[in-house]
Protein backbone atom coordinates (compact mmCIF):
# COMPACT_ATOMS: atom_id res chain seq x y z
CA MET A 1 40.58 7.99 8.31
CA SER A 2 40.61 4.57 9.92
CA HIS A 3 42.27 4.55 13.38
CA GLN A 4 41.58 8.12 14.43
CA GLU A 5 38.67 8.26 16.80
CA ARG A 6 36.53 11.39 16.81
CA PRO A 7 33.01 11.95 18.09
CA LEU A 8 30.76 11.15 15.19
CA PHE A 9 27.70 11.19 17.44
CA SER A 10 26.77 12.42 20.89
CA GLU A 11 25.49 9.85 23.39
CA ALA A 12 21.91 11.04 22.75
CA GLU A 13 22.43 10.65 19.01
CA VAL A 14 23.79 7.13 19.47
CA ARG A 15 20.75 6.19 21.55
CA SER A 16 18.51 7.64 18.84
CA LEU A 17 20.43 5.63 16.25
CA LEU A 18 19.90 2.41 18.20
CA GLU A 19 16.13 3.00 18.15
CA ARG A 20 16.12 2.95 14.37
CA THR A 21 15.51 -0.02 12.12
CA GLU A 22 18.36 -1.54 10.15
CA GLY A 23 18.20 -0.64 6.48
CA GLN A 24 20.08 0.80 3.54
CA TYR A 25 22.28 3.07 5.64
CA LEU A 26 22.44 1.31 9.01
CA ASP A 27 23.43 -2.11 10.33
CA PHE A 28 23.88 -3.52 13.83
CA LYS A 29 26.26 -6.39 14.51
CA SER A 30 26.61 -8.34 17.73
CA LEU A 31 30.13 -9.30 18.80
CA TRP A 32 28.94 -12.20 20.96
CA ASP A 33 28.63 -15.84 19.94
CA ARG A 34 25.37 -17.11 21.47
CA THR A 35 25.39 -20.59 19.94
CA LYS A 36 26.66 -22.06 23.21
CA PRO A 37 25.07 -22.06 26.69
CA THR A 38 27.51 -19.37 27.79
CA PRO A 39 28.00 -16.46 25.35
CA SER A 40 31.57 -15.81 24.31
CA PRO A 41 33.20 -13.17 22.11
CA VAL A 42 32.88 -13.78 18.38
CA ASP A 43 36.09 -15.26 16.98
CA ARG A 44 38.46 -12.39 16.22
CA ARG A 45 38.94 -13.40 12.60
CA ALA A 46 35.17 -13.73 12.14
CA ALA A 47 34.70 -10.24 13.62
CA ARG A 48 37.24 -8.80 11.19
CA ASP A 49 35.50 -10.62 8.33
CA ILE A 50 32.19 -9.03 9.34
CA VAL A 51 33.72 -5.56 9.34
CA ALA A 52 35.39 -6.09 5.97
CA GLU A 53 32.20 -7.35 4.35
CA TYR A 54 29.87 -4.66 5.68
CA VAL A 55 32.22 -1.72 5.24
CA ALA A 56 32.87 -2.74 1.62
CA ALA A 57 29.13 -3.22 1.05
CA PHE A 58 28.31 0.27 2.33
CA ALA A 59 31.20 1.80 0.37
CA ASN A 60 30.07 0.10 -2.84
CA ALA A 61 26.54 1.46 -2.38
CA ASP A 62 25.68 4.84 -0.84
CA GLY A 63 27.68 4.73 2.36
CA GLY A 64 26.27 4.07 5.81
CA THR A 65 26.92 3.39 9.47
CA LEU A 66 28.03 0.03 10.89
CA VAL A 67 27.46 -0.33 14.64
CA LEU A 68 29.40 -3.12 16.37
CA GLY A 69 28.50 -4.45 19.79
CA VAL A 70 24.74 -4.12 19.30
CA GLU A 71 22.07 -6.80 18.87
CA ASP A 72 19.66 -6.78 15.93
CA ASP A 73 17.00 -5.14 18.09
CA GLY A 74 19.33 -2.24 18.94
CA ALA A 75 20.24 -3.43 22.44
CA PRO A 76 23.87 -2.54 23.28
CA THR A 77 25.86 -5.56 24.48
CA GLY A 78 29.42 -4.40 23.79
CA HIS A 79 32.29 -6.81 23.23
CA GLY A 80 34.77 -8.92 25.15
CA TYR A 81 38.00 -8.09 23.30
CA PRO A 82 41.30 -6.80 24.64
CA GLU A 83 42.63 -3.53 23.25
CA ASP A 84 44.87 -5.14 20.62
CA ALA A 85 41.88 -6.99 19.13
CA VAL A 86 39.85 -3.76 19.01
CA GLN A 87 42.69 -2.00 17.21
CA ASP A 88 42.81 -4.84 14.67
CA ILE A 89 39.09 -4.32 14.02
CA LEU A 90 39.57 -0.57 13.53
CA ALA A 91 42.33 -1.29 11.02
CA VAL A 92 40.26 -3.63 8.82
CA PRO A 93 39.12 -1.02 6.23
CA GLN A 94 42.75 -0.15 5.55
CA ARG A 95 44.21 -3.65 5.72
CA ARG A 96 41.54 -5.91 4.21
CA LEU A 97 39.90 -3.76 1.53
CA ARG A 98 41.19 -2.97 -1.96
CA PRO A 99 41.44 -0.10 -2.46
CA ALA A 100 41.86 0.77 1.20
CA THR A 101 38.85 2.65 2.53
CA SER A 102 39.06 5.59 4.92
CA CYS A 103 36.31 5.37 7.53
CA ALA A 104 35.53 7.43 10.62
CA TRP A 105 35.41 5.40 13.86
CA GLN A 106 33.97 6.19 17.27
CA ARG A 107 34.15 4.23 20.53
CA ILE A 108 31.49 5.06 23.11
CA MET A 109 30.09 3.55 26.31
CA ILE A 110 26.33 2.95 26.31
CA ASP A 111 24.73 1.41 29.40
CA GLY A 112 28.09 0.08 30.52
CA HIS A 113 28.94 -1.51 27.16
CA GLU A 114 31.51 -0.23 24.68
CA ILE A 115 30.18 -0.11 21.14
CA LEU A 116 32.11 0.75 17.99
CA LEU A 117 30.60 2.94 15.28
CA CYS A 118 32.03 3.05 11.78
CA GLN A 119 30.85 5.71 9.35
CA VAL A 120 31.51 4.55 5.80
CA PRO A 121 31.71 7.02 2.89
CA ILE A 122 30.65 6.32 -0.68
CA ALA A 123 33.67 4.89 -2.49
CA PRO A 124 34.59 6.37 -5.90
CA GLU A 125 35.22 2.88 -7.29
CA ALA A 126 34.32 -0.71 -6.47
CA VAL A 127 35.83 -1.94 -3.20
CA MET A 128 36.89 -5.59 -2.87
CA VAL A 129 37.24 -7.62 0.30
CA GLU A 130 40.68 -9.13 -0.13
CA ALA A 131 40.26 -12.57 -1.75
CA ASN A 132 36.50 -12.48 -1.13
CA GLY A 133 34.76 -10.48 -3.86
CA PHE A 134 32.64 -7.34 -4.00
CA PRO A 135 29.78 -7.06 -1.47
CA TYR A 136 27.00 -4.52 -2.05
CA ARG A 137 24.38 -3.08 0.30
CA ALA A 138 20.79 -3.50 -0.94
CA GLY A 139 18.19 -2.50 1.62
CA ASP A 140 19.01 -4.39 4.81
CA ARG A 141 20.87 -7.13 2.94
CA VAL A 142 24.41 -7.62 1.65
CA ILE A 143 24.68 -9.23 -1.76
CA CYS A 144 27.60 -10.01 -4.06
CA GLU A 145 27.88 -8.02 -7.27
CA PRO A 146 30.41 -8.13 -10.13
CA GLN A 147 33.04 -5.43 -9.99
CA GLU A 148 32.00 -4.09 -13.39
CA VAL A 149 28.37 -3.66 -12.29
CA ILE A 150 29.36 -1.63 -9.22
CA ASN A 151 31.75 0.50 -11.26
CA GLN A 152 29.07 1.06 -13.88
CA ARG A 153 26.80 2.53 -11.19
CA LYS A 154 29.55 4.74 -9.88
CA GLN A 155 30.43 5.95 -13.38
CA VAL A 156 26.79 6.84 -13.96
CA TYR A 157 26.72 8.81 -10.71
CA ARG A 158 29.94 10.66 -11.58
CA ARG A 159 28.49 11.50 -14.98
CA VAL A 160 25.05 12.63 -13.83
CA GLY A 161 25.67 13.39 -10.15
CA CYS A 162 24.16 16.83 -10.35
CA GLU A 163 23.13 16.82 -6.69
CA ALA A 164 26.67 16.66 -5.26
CA ARG A 165 28.04 19.61 -7.23
CA ILE A 166 29.00 22.71 -5.32
CA ARG A 167 27.28 25.93 -6.41
CA PRO A 168 30.01 28.57 -5.97
CA GLU A 169 27.51 31.43 -6.22
CA ALA A 170 25.41 30.07 -3.32
CA GLY A 171 25.88 30.42 0.43
CA LEU A 172 24.04 29.68 3.65
CA ALA A 173 21.97 32.83 3.12
CA ASP A 174 20.33 31.01 0.20
CA ILE A 175 19.21 28.13 2.44
CA ASP A 176 16.02 28.26 4.49
CA LEU A 177 17.65 27.10 7.72
CA GLU A 178 14.37 27.04 9.66
CA LEU A 179 12.84 24.77 7.04
CA ALA A 180 15.91 22.52 7.17
CA LYS A 181 15.82 22.34 10.98
CA THR A 182 12.13 21.42 10.99
CA PHE A 183 12.54 18.86 8.22
CA LEU A 184 15.48 17.18 9.94
CA SER A 185 13.76 17.07 13.34
CA LYS A 186 13.30 13.28 13.02
CA SER A 187 16.90 12.59 12.08
CA VAL A 188 19.70 11.39 14.32
CA TYR A 189 21.22 14.86 14.04
CA LYS A 190 18.14 16.70 15.33
CA ASP A 191 19.94 18.12 18.38
CA ARG A 192 22.83 19.59 16.38
CA SER A 193 22.92 23.05 14.92
CA VAL A 194 21.27 23.06 11.54
CA GLU A 195 24.62 23.82 9.90
CA ALA A 196 26.22 20.81 11.61
CA ALA A 197 23.32 18.57 10.57
CA LEU A 198 23.56 19.69 6.94
CA GLU A 199 27.32 19.09 7.03
CA SER A 200 26.79 15.61 8.47
CA TYR A 201 24.59 14.73 5.49
CA GLY A 202 27.18 16.07 3.04
CA LEU A 203 24.82 18.83 1.88
CA ILE A 204 27.27 21.59 2.76
CA ALA A 205 31.05 21.59 3.25
CA ARG A 206 33.26 23.83 5.34
CA LYS A 207 35.61 26.26 3.67
CA PRO A 208 37.82 29.01 5.14
CA ASP A 209 35.22 31.74 4.72
CA GLY A 210 32.05 29.78 5.47
CA PHE A 211 30.29 26.87 3.79
CA ALA A 212 30.11 25.55 0.25
CA VAL A 213 26.56 24.56 -0.73
CA THR A 214 25.60 21.60 -2.93
CA ASN A 215 22.80 21.40 -5.45
CA ALA A 216 21.16 18.80 -3.20
CA CYS A 217 20.97 21.30 -0.34
CA LEU A 218 19.46 23.96 -2.60
CA LEU A 219 16.94 21.53 -4.06
CA LEU A 220 15.90 20.37 -0.60
CA PHE A 221 15.92 23.63 1.34
CA GLY A 222 16.70 26.51 -1.03
CA ARG A 223 14.96 29.81 -0.43
CA LYS A 224 12.28 30.78 -2.91
CA PRO A 225 12.17 31.37 -5.78
CA LEU A 226 13.63 27.93 -6.41
CA VAL A 227 13.85 28.72 -10.13
CA ARG A 228 17.14 30.48 -9.34
CA TRP A 229 18.71 27.08 -8.73
CA HIS A 230 16.67 24.86 -11.03
CA PRO A 231 14.03 26.05 -13.53
CA ARG A 232 12.09 22.76 -13.52
CA ALA A 233 12.50 21.18 -10.09
CA GLY A 234 8.78 21.08 -9.33
CA VAL A 235 5.76 19.09 -10.44
CA ARG A 236 2.79 19.85 -12.72
CA PHE A 237 -0.65 18.26 -12.46
CA PHE A 238 -3.11 17.64 -15.29
CA ARG A 239 -6.67 16.27 -15.43
CA VAL A 240 -7.85 14.62 -18.66
CA ALA A 241 -11.61 14.31 -19.28
CA GLY A 242 -11.59 10.80 -20.67
CA LYS A 243 -9.13 8.00 -21.20
CA GLU A 244 -7.03 9.68 -23.90
CA ARG A 245 -5.77 13.20 -24.56
CA LEU A 246 -7.47 15.12 -27.35
CA HIS A 247 -6.12 18.22 -29.09
CA GLY A 248 -7.37 21.23 -30.99
CA ALA A 249 -11.09 21.98 -30.79
CA HIS A 250 -11.61 18.78 -28.79
CA ARG A 251 -8.90 19.51 -26.24
CA ASN A 252 -9.83 17.79 -22.97
CA VAL A 253 -6.88 18.62 -20.73
CA GLU A 254 -7.15 20.85 -17.67
CA GLN A 255 -3.93 22.21 -16.19
CA LEU A 256 -4.06 22.08 -12.42
CA PRO A 257 -1.89 24.08 -9.98
CA ARG A 258 1.83 23.39 -10.17
CA VAL A 259 4.24 23.03 -7.26
CA GLU A 260 7.49 25.00 -7.38
CA GLU A 261 9.01 24.78 -3.93
CA PRO A 262 12.04 23.17 -2.28
CA LEU A 263 11.62 19.42 -1.97
CA ALA A 264 11.09 19.61 1.80
CA THR A 265 7.76 21.38 1.21
CA ALA A 266 7.11 20.38 -2.42
CA ILE A 267 6.58 16.70 -1.60
CA PRO A 268 3.95 17.25 1.13
CA GLU A 269 2.25 19.85 -1.08
CA ALA A 270 2.25 17.46 -4.03
CA TYR A 271 0.63 14.85 -1.78
CA ARG A 272 -2.06 17.35 -0.80
CA LEU A 273 -2.87 18.34 -4.38
CA ALA A 274 -2.89 14.74 -5.59
CA ARG A 275 -5.22 13.70 -2.78
CA GLU A 276 -7.68 16.43 -3.85
CA HIS A 277 -7.89 14.95 -7.35
CA ILE A 278 -8.02 11.25 -6.49
CA ARG A 279 -11.69 10.38 -6.52
CA LYS A 280 -13.68 7.79 -4.62
CA SER A 281 -13.95 4.53 -6.54
CA GLU A 282 -17.50 3.41 -7.29
CA LYS A 283 -16.24 0.06 -8.52
CA LEU A 284 -14.29 -0.65 -5.35
CA HIS A 285 -17.23 0.60 -3.28
CA ASP A 286 -19.42 -1.99 -5.00
CA LEU A 287 -16.96 -4.68 -3.92
CA PHE A 288 -16.15 -3.56 -0.39
CA PHE A 289 -19.29 -1.58 0.51
CA ARG A 290 -17.28 1.29 1.91
CA GLU A 291 -15.65 4.41 0.57
CA MET A 292 -12.31 3.67 -1.08
CA PRO A 293 -10.04 5.90 -3.16
CA GLU A 294 -9.29 5.08 -6.78
CA TYR A 295 -5.70 4.19 -5.83
CA PRO A 296 -4.12 3.00 -2.56
CA GLU A 297 -2.53 5.95 -0.80
CA PHE A 298 0.85 4.29 -0.34
CA ALA A 299 1.05 3.37 -4.04
CA TRP A 300 0.54 6.86 -5.46
CA GLN A 301 2.60 8.55 -2.73
CA GLU A 302 5.50 6.18 -3.36
CA ALA A 303 5.31 6.85 -7.10
CA LEU A 304 5.40 10.60 -6.41
CA VAL A 305 8.24 10.63 -3.88
CA ASN A 306 10.28 8.31 -6.10
CA ALA A 307 9.87 10.79 -8.94
CA PHE A 308 11.34 13.57 -6.78
CA ALA A 309 14.08 11.36 -5.35
CA HIS A 310 15.26 9.62 -8.52
CA ARG A 311 14.60 12.10 -11.31
CA GLU A 312 17.42 13.46 -13.46
CA TYR A 313 18.06 16.96 -12.09
CA GLU A 314 20.66 17.52 -14.80
CA ASP A 315 17.66 17.87 -17.12
CA SER A 316 16.51 21.45 -16.56
CA ALA A 317 14.05 21.51 -19.47
CA ARG A 318 11.51 19.06 -18.03
CA GLU A 319 9.79 18.57 -14.72
CA ILE A 320 7.77 15.88 -12.98
CA GLU A 321 4.25 15.51 -14.38
CA VAL A 322 1.21 13.83 -12.84
CA TRP A 323 -1.68 12.99 -15.17
CA PHE A 324 -5.14 11.98 -13.97
CA TYR A 325 -7.22 10.11 -16.56
CA ASP A 326 -10.62 8.54 -16.03
CA ASP A 327 -9.08 5.07 -15.86
CA ARG A 328 -5.53 5.69 -14.61
CA MET A 329 -2.97 7.92 -12.95
CA GLU A 330 0.46 8.49 -14.50
CA VAL A 331 3.55 9.87 -12.74
CA ARG A 332 6.37 10.84 -15.10
CA ASN A 333 9.83 12.10 -14.32
CA PRO A 334 12.86 13.09 -16.40
CA GLY A 335 15.57 10.46 -16.57
CA GLU A 336 15.65 6.72 -17.08
CA PRO A 337 16.20 4.33 -14.14
CA THR A 338 19.78 4.20 -12.93
CA PRO A 339 21.66 1.00 -13.88
CA PRO A 340 21.33 -1.81 -13.03
CA VAL A 341 17.61 -1.08 -12.53
CA THR A 342 15.62 -2.25 -15.57
CA LEU A 343 11.94 -2.42 -16.39
CA ASP A 344 12.15 -6.20 -16.25
CA LEU A 345 13.55 -6.16 -12.70
CA LEU A 346 10.88 -3.70 -11.58
CA ARG A 347 8.13 -5.86 -13.08
CA LYS A 348 9.56 -8.87 -11.26
CA ARG A 349 9.32 -6.93 -7.98
CA LYS A 350 13.03 -7.19 -7.31
CA SER A 351 14.26 -5.14 -4.37
CA ILE A 352 17.17 -3.45 -6.06
CA HIS A 353 19.19 -0.49 -4.87
CA ALA A 354 20.50 2.18 -7.20
CA SER A 355 20.47 5.91 -6.52
CA ARG A 356 20.96 8.74 -8.94
CA ASN A 357 20.64 11.17 -6.01
CA PRO A 358 21.89 9.37 -2.86
CA LEU A 359 22.27 12.58 -0.83
CA ILE A 360 18.64 13.53 -1.43
CA VAL A 361 17.41 9.96 -0.95
CA ARG A 362 19.10 9.61 2.43
CA VAL A 363 17.64 12.85 3.74
CA LEU A 364 14.15 11.93 2.52
CA ALA A 365 14.46 8.47 4.09
CA ASP A 366 15.59 9.88 7.44
CA ALA A 367 12.72 12.38 7.34
CA GLY A 368 10.28 9.50 6.93
CA LEU A 369 9.12 10.43 3.43
CA MET A 370 10.77 7.47 1.72
CA ARG A 371 11.11 3.81 2.50
CA GLU A 372 14.54 2.23 2.44
CA GLU A 373 15.93 1.78 -1.03
CA GLY A 374 14.42 -1.05 -3.02
CA GLU A 375 11.40 -1.59 -0.74
CA GLY A 376 8.95 0.84 -2.30
CA ILE A 377 8.23 -0.78 -5.67
CA PRO A 378 7.43 -4.26 -4.28
CA ARG A 379 5.15 -2.56 -1.74
CA ILE A 380 3.28 -0.74 -4.56
CA PHE A 381 2.54 -4.14 -6.10
CA GLU A 382 1.27 -5.42 -2.75
CA GLU A 383 -0.94 -2.40 -2.15
CA MET A 384 -2.50 -2.61 -5.61
CA GLU A 385 -3.12 -6.33 -5.17
CA GLU A 386 -4.72 -5.84 -1.77
CA SER A 387 -7.12 -3.34 -3.37
CA PHE A 388 -7.76 -5.85 -6.20
CA LEU A 389 -6.37 -3.45 -8.79
CA HIS A 390 -4.07 -4.26 -11.70
CA GLU A 391 -0.30 -4.29 -11.28
CA PRO A 392 1.51 -0.96 -11.77
CA ARG A 393 2.91 -0.37 -15.23
CA PHE A 394 6.38 0.99 -15.91
CA LYS A 395 7.57 2.64 -19.10
CA ILE A 396 10.65 4.37 -20.50
CA GLU A 397 10.06 6.73 -23.39
CA GLY A 398 11.89 9.78 -24.64
CA GLY A 399 14.28 9.85 -21.70
CA GLU A 400 11.39 9.77 -19.22
CA PHE A 401 10.34 7.13 -16.73
CA SER A 402 6.67 6.70 -15.89
CA VAL A 403 4.59 4.73 -13.40
CA THR A 404 0.94 4.08 -14.27
CA LEU A 405 -1.67 3.03 -11.73
CA LEU A 406 -4.96 1.69 -13.11
CA ASN A 407 -8.20 2.16 -11.19
CA GLU A 408 -10.04 -0.76 -12.82
CA PRO A 409 -10.44 -3.83 -10.55
CA VAL A 410 -8.77 -7.01 -11.78
CA PHE A 411 -12.03 -8.90 -12.03
CA SER A 412 -13.76 -9.43 -15.35
CA GLY A 413 -16.15 -6.80 -14.13
CA ALA A 414 -19.78 -6.88 -13.22
CA ASP A 415 -22.15 -4.65 -15.15
CA PRO A 416 -24.15 -2.13 -13.07
CA GLU A 417 -27.35 -4.13 -13.43
CA TRP A 418 -25.74 -7.25 -11.99
CA ARG A 419 -24.38 -5.23 -9.08
CA ARG A 420 -27.91 -3.96 -8.43
CA ILE A 421 -29.29 -7.52 -8.50
CA VAL A 422 -26.65 -8.65 -6.00
CA GLN A 423 -27.31 -5.71 -3.67
CA ARG A 424 -30.96 -6.75 -3.39
CA LEU A 425 -30.12 -10.27 -2.26
CA THR A 426 -30.22 -11.01 1.47
CA LEU A 427 -26.58 -11.96 1.84
CA SER A 428 -23.50 -11.13 3.87
CA ALA A 429 -21.07 -8.53 2.56
CA ALA A 430 -18.56 -11.28 1.76
CA GLN A 431 -21.12 -13.25 -0.26
CA ARG A 432 -22.23 -10.18 -2.20
CA ARG A 433 -18.61 -9.30 -2.83
CA VAL A 434 -17.74 -12.61 -4.49
CA LEU A 435 -20.89 -12.54 -6.66
CA THR A 436 -20.08 -8.98 -7.75
CA ALA A 437 -16.45 -9.76 -8.46
CA HIS A 438 -17.00 -13.10 -10.20
CA PRO A 439 -20.33 -13.09 -12.05
CA GLU A 440 -19.13 -15.85 -14.38
CA GLY A 441 -18.30 -18.22 -11.53
CA PHE A 442 -15.76 -18.59 -8.74
CA ARG A 443 -13.67 -21.10 -6.79
CA SER A 444 -13.25 -21.47 -3.06
CA GLU A 445 -9.75 -19.98 -3.49
CA ASP A 446 -11.29 -16.86 -5.04
CA TYR A 447 -13.66 -16.52 -2.09
CA GLN A 448 -10.82 -16.91 0.41
CA ARG A 449 -8.55 -14.38 -1.28
CA LEU A 450 -11.24 -11.80 -1.88
CA ASN A 451 -12.64 -11.93 1.64
CA LYS A 452 -9.46 -12.84 3.53
CA VAL A 453 -11.03 -15.88 5.21
CA ASP A 454 -9.78 -19.44 5.68
CA ARG A 455 -10.96 -22.47 3.72
CA ASP A 456 -13.43 -23.68 6.35
CA GLN A 457 -15.20 -20.34 6.63
CA ALA A 458 -15.28 -20.00 2.84
CA TYR A 459 -16.84 -23.47 2.56
CA ARG A 460 -19.60 -22.66 5.07
CA GLU A 461 -20.52 -19.37 3.41
CA ILE A 462 -20.44 -20.84 -0.09
CA GLN A 463 -22.75 -23.65 1.02
CA GLU A 464 -25.21 -21.03 2.26
CA LEU A 465 -25.30 -19.61 -1.28
CA VAL A 466 -25.95 -23.11 -2.64
CA ALA A 467 -28.75 -23.71 -0.12
CA GLN A 468 -30.46 -20.45 -1.11
CA GLY A 469 -30.35 -21.40 -4.77
CA ILE A 470 -28.15 -18.45 -5.70
CA ILE A 471 -25.34 -20.63 -7.03
CA ARG A 472 -25.23 -24.20 -8.28
CA PRO A 473 -23.08 -26.93 -6.75
CA PRO A 474 -19.92 -27.57 -8.79
CA GLN A 475 -20.09 -30.23 -11.48
CA SER A 476 -16.88 -31.77 -10.12
CA HIS A 477 -15.67 -31.53 -6.53
CA GLY A 478 -12.19 -31.09 -5.13
CA ARG A 479 -9.57 -28.36 -5.48
CA GLY A 480 -10.41 -25.92 -8.25
CA ALA A 481 -14.15 -26.72 -8.28
CA VAL A 482 -16.13 -23.84 -9.84
CA TYR A 483 -19.46 -22.56 -8.55
CA HIS A 484 -21.73 -20.93 -11.17
CA ILE A 485 -24.61 -18.51 -10.75
CA ALA A 486 -28.04 -20.17 -10.71
CA PRO A 487 -29.91 -20.18 -14.08
CA ASP A 488 -32.68 -17.78 -13.01
CA LEU A 489 -30.15 -15.17 -11.87
CA ARG A 490 -28.14 -15.67 -15.05
CA GLU A 491 -31.30 -15.08 -17.08
CA THR A 492 -32.10 -11.91 -15.11
CA ARG A 493 -28.59 -10.62 -15.63
CA ALA A 494 -28.70 -11.34 -19.37
CA PHE A 495 -32.12 -9.70 -19.70
CA LEU A 496 -31.07 -6.50 -17.95
CA ALA A 497 -27.74 -6.35 -19.77
CA GLY A 498 -29.61 -6.52 -23.07
CA ARG A 499 -32.26 -3.94 -22.17
CA ILE A 500 -30.95 -1.31 -19.78
CA PRO A 501 -28.28 0.43 -21.91
CA LYS A 502 -30.71 1.07 -24.80
CA LEU A 503 -33.49 2.12 -22.46
CA ARG A 504 -31.17 4.51 -20.68
CA GLY A 505 -30.11 6.02 -23.99
CA PHE A 506 -33.72 6.37 -25.21
CA LEU A 507 -34.97 8.02 -22.01
CA THR A 508 -31.98 10.32 -21.92
CA ARG A 509 -33.23 11.74 -25.24
CA ASN A 510 -36.99 11.40 -24.61
CA ASP A 511 -39.30 12.03 -21.67
CA VAL A 512 -41.43 8.92 -22.06
CA LEU A 513 -41.41 5.49 -23.68
CA ARG A 514 -44.45 3.75 -25.19
CA ASN A 515 -45.07 0.10 -25.97
CA ALA A 516 -44.51 0.81 -29.66
CA ASP A 517 -41.14 2.42 -28.93
CA TYR A 518 -40.11 -0.61 -26.89
CA ARG A 519 -41.06 -3.00 -29.69
CA VAL A 520 -38.96 -1.03 -32.17
CA LEU A 521 -36.00 -0.85 -29.81
CA PHE A 522 -35.88 -4.58 -29.10
CA GLY A 523 -37.78 -6.23 -31.96
CA VAL A 524 -40.32 -8.01 -29.75
CA THR A 525 -44.07 -8.62 -30.02
CA ARG A 526 -46.68 -6.49 -28.25
CA TYR A 527 -47.33 -9.28 -25.74
CA SER A 528 -43.61 -9.66 -24.97
CA ALA A 529 -43.27 -5.90 -24.65
CA VAL A 530 -46.11 -5.75 -22.11
CA ARG A 531 -44.58 -8.56 -20.06
CA GLU A 532 -41.06 -7.11 -20.14
CA LEU A 533 -42.19 -3.58 -19.36
CA LYS A 534 -44.05 -4.85 -16.28
CA ARG A 535 -40.90 -6.66 -15.20
CA LEU A 536 -38.87 -3.46 -15.55
CA VAL A 537 -41.47 -1.47 -13.60
CA ASP A 538 -41.46 -4.03 -10.79
CA SER A 539 -37.66 -3.82 -10.66
CA GLY A 540 -37.65 -0.03 -10.37
CA TYR A 541 -36.08 0.68 -13.77
CA LEU A 542 -39.28 2.27 -15.15
CA THR A 543 -42.36 3.99 -13.77
CA MET A 544 -45.74 3.62 -15.47
CA ALA A 545 -48.51 6.17 -16.02
CA GLY A 546 -51.82 5.42 -17.77
CA GLU A 547 -53.31 2.08 -18.71
CA ARG A 548 -53.48 -0.32 -21.63
CA ARG A 549 -52.72 1.37 -24.96
CA GLY A 550 -52.36 4.73 -23.23
CA ALA A 551 -49.61 3.50 -20.93
CA ARG A 552 -46.48 5.61 -20.86
CA TYR A 553 -43.20 4.76 -19.16
CA ALA A 554 -40.62 7.10 -17.64
CA ALA A 555 -37.22 6.44 -16.13
CA GLY A 556 -37.34 4.92 -12.66
CA PRO A 557 -34.71 5.47 -9.96
CA ALA A 558 -32.85 2.27 -10.82
CA LEU A 559 -32.31 3.36 -14.44
CA GLU A 560 -30.09 6.26 -13.31
CA VAL A 561 -30.78 8.48 -16.31
CA PRO A 562 -28.75 11.71 -16.24
CA ALA A 563 -30.73 14.92 -15.87
CA ARG A 564 -31.64 16.47 -19.21
CA LYS A 565 -30.37 19.98 -19.90
């Protein structure tokens, strides 16, 4: 409907709505022109243009609510129009859009100001603003899209829109209403009856003898066992001992507990299980000198919730899978990204909106489990970068979409012996961090980025390293100048890198090492062996018992030899 005014929201719900942030499903528009010393009403034609553009944009995406007479910060300021101008605004979706769009309007007084609320449904086909193209809502922005692109998305949704289908065999008795009420307690509809809230989200629909229930409602809040409504709606977890899966006698895969619950509880439970199996990162600890998980929490949680929100529920033969390898975490879900989302756009960090399951996505977003559409993937990139990890990887294979998070820092990587050398130096945490991260040399820009300091502070702290003889001054000055590790430290690093791995292997197999064993291992003379063994003892890699030709060497604490069975 367009002109009919009915109470979409109570006053309390409107106030709650105004406290929210604009995003995929909500926009505030002021009706006052503040470019002049004295505010005046926005030109009537301009106001109608705003309504046409934003209503069409919501209709072309996943629907939403346009609130007129409100500032960007949610402050109600009303309008200054006579009644005929207001009626012209209410008529815009019917008069200015092609095809005409039926919206629900509400007029309400808030703090002495009349505001206009327009609830826009999802349109079945692309909606054009007369003589002004096809706007599309993407996050908190409105962009222009070709008609064929919008229609392609809508055709995909009609073809695979499993979530919106009514299940004739289901009724309210099959919904856990207490779970739904709790889950929706953060939504605008929190003060309504749970049935009214579910109806407002389009999860159920009235019929003469009760309510019709959608797949989305059953997936979100269905009573257990959920397998009645979908045999593979949950998630399975696996732990691989190594970097690759092995089969047969060498099988190295452990199946972890699976989650088979309605989405409202499955997602928090999946978070809990994943958190149990995400280890502390030794490599990141060596850089930041504090406990850090292998993956940033936001990154893996976003990958998981996206899998639930955007998977293909039409596919009842496969479920979401989470794989933990020694070097990475993979989250896989049935279904390829919905057009126009492509791997290339994801890799370019484009904020792009496309929902296979808009009903589910909106509920998850209102419950605080999801960010607004299009924001999550760019944020994953940011979180990985801030933890100095590699960019996420995306892949489509066999009708599945996967996100891979790597736990290896982006730096070339310092060997354990170099990290030990750096730890023994009397330096600040920031100075140790840059030496650990960049053993082959670094620039001032590297120091600034790694330690989040400005150029002046980086310069002072780098000069301290030069003064202590830990690094050499750059051969050429200016932007991009490279500081290299001092020769004596480079020699120590090279010596340990060439000796420690073989020594560790030998003393893992044997209790003691003799001079003769050392000479065979490294092809050195007796004199060189004596000198090097003393150096290793002084450094804590070996301990010595006996003297002269009777000297025997065992693993010291720095060698970190695993206990023999």
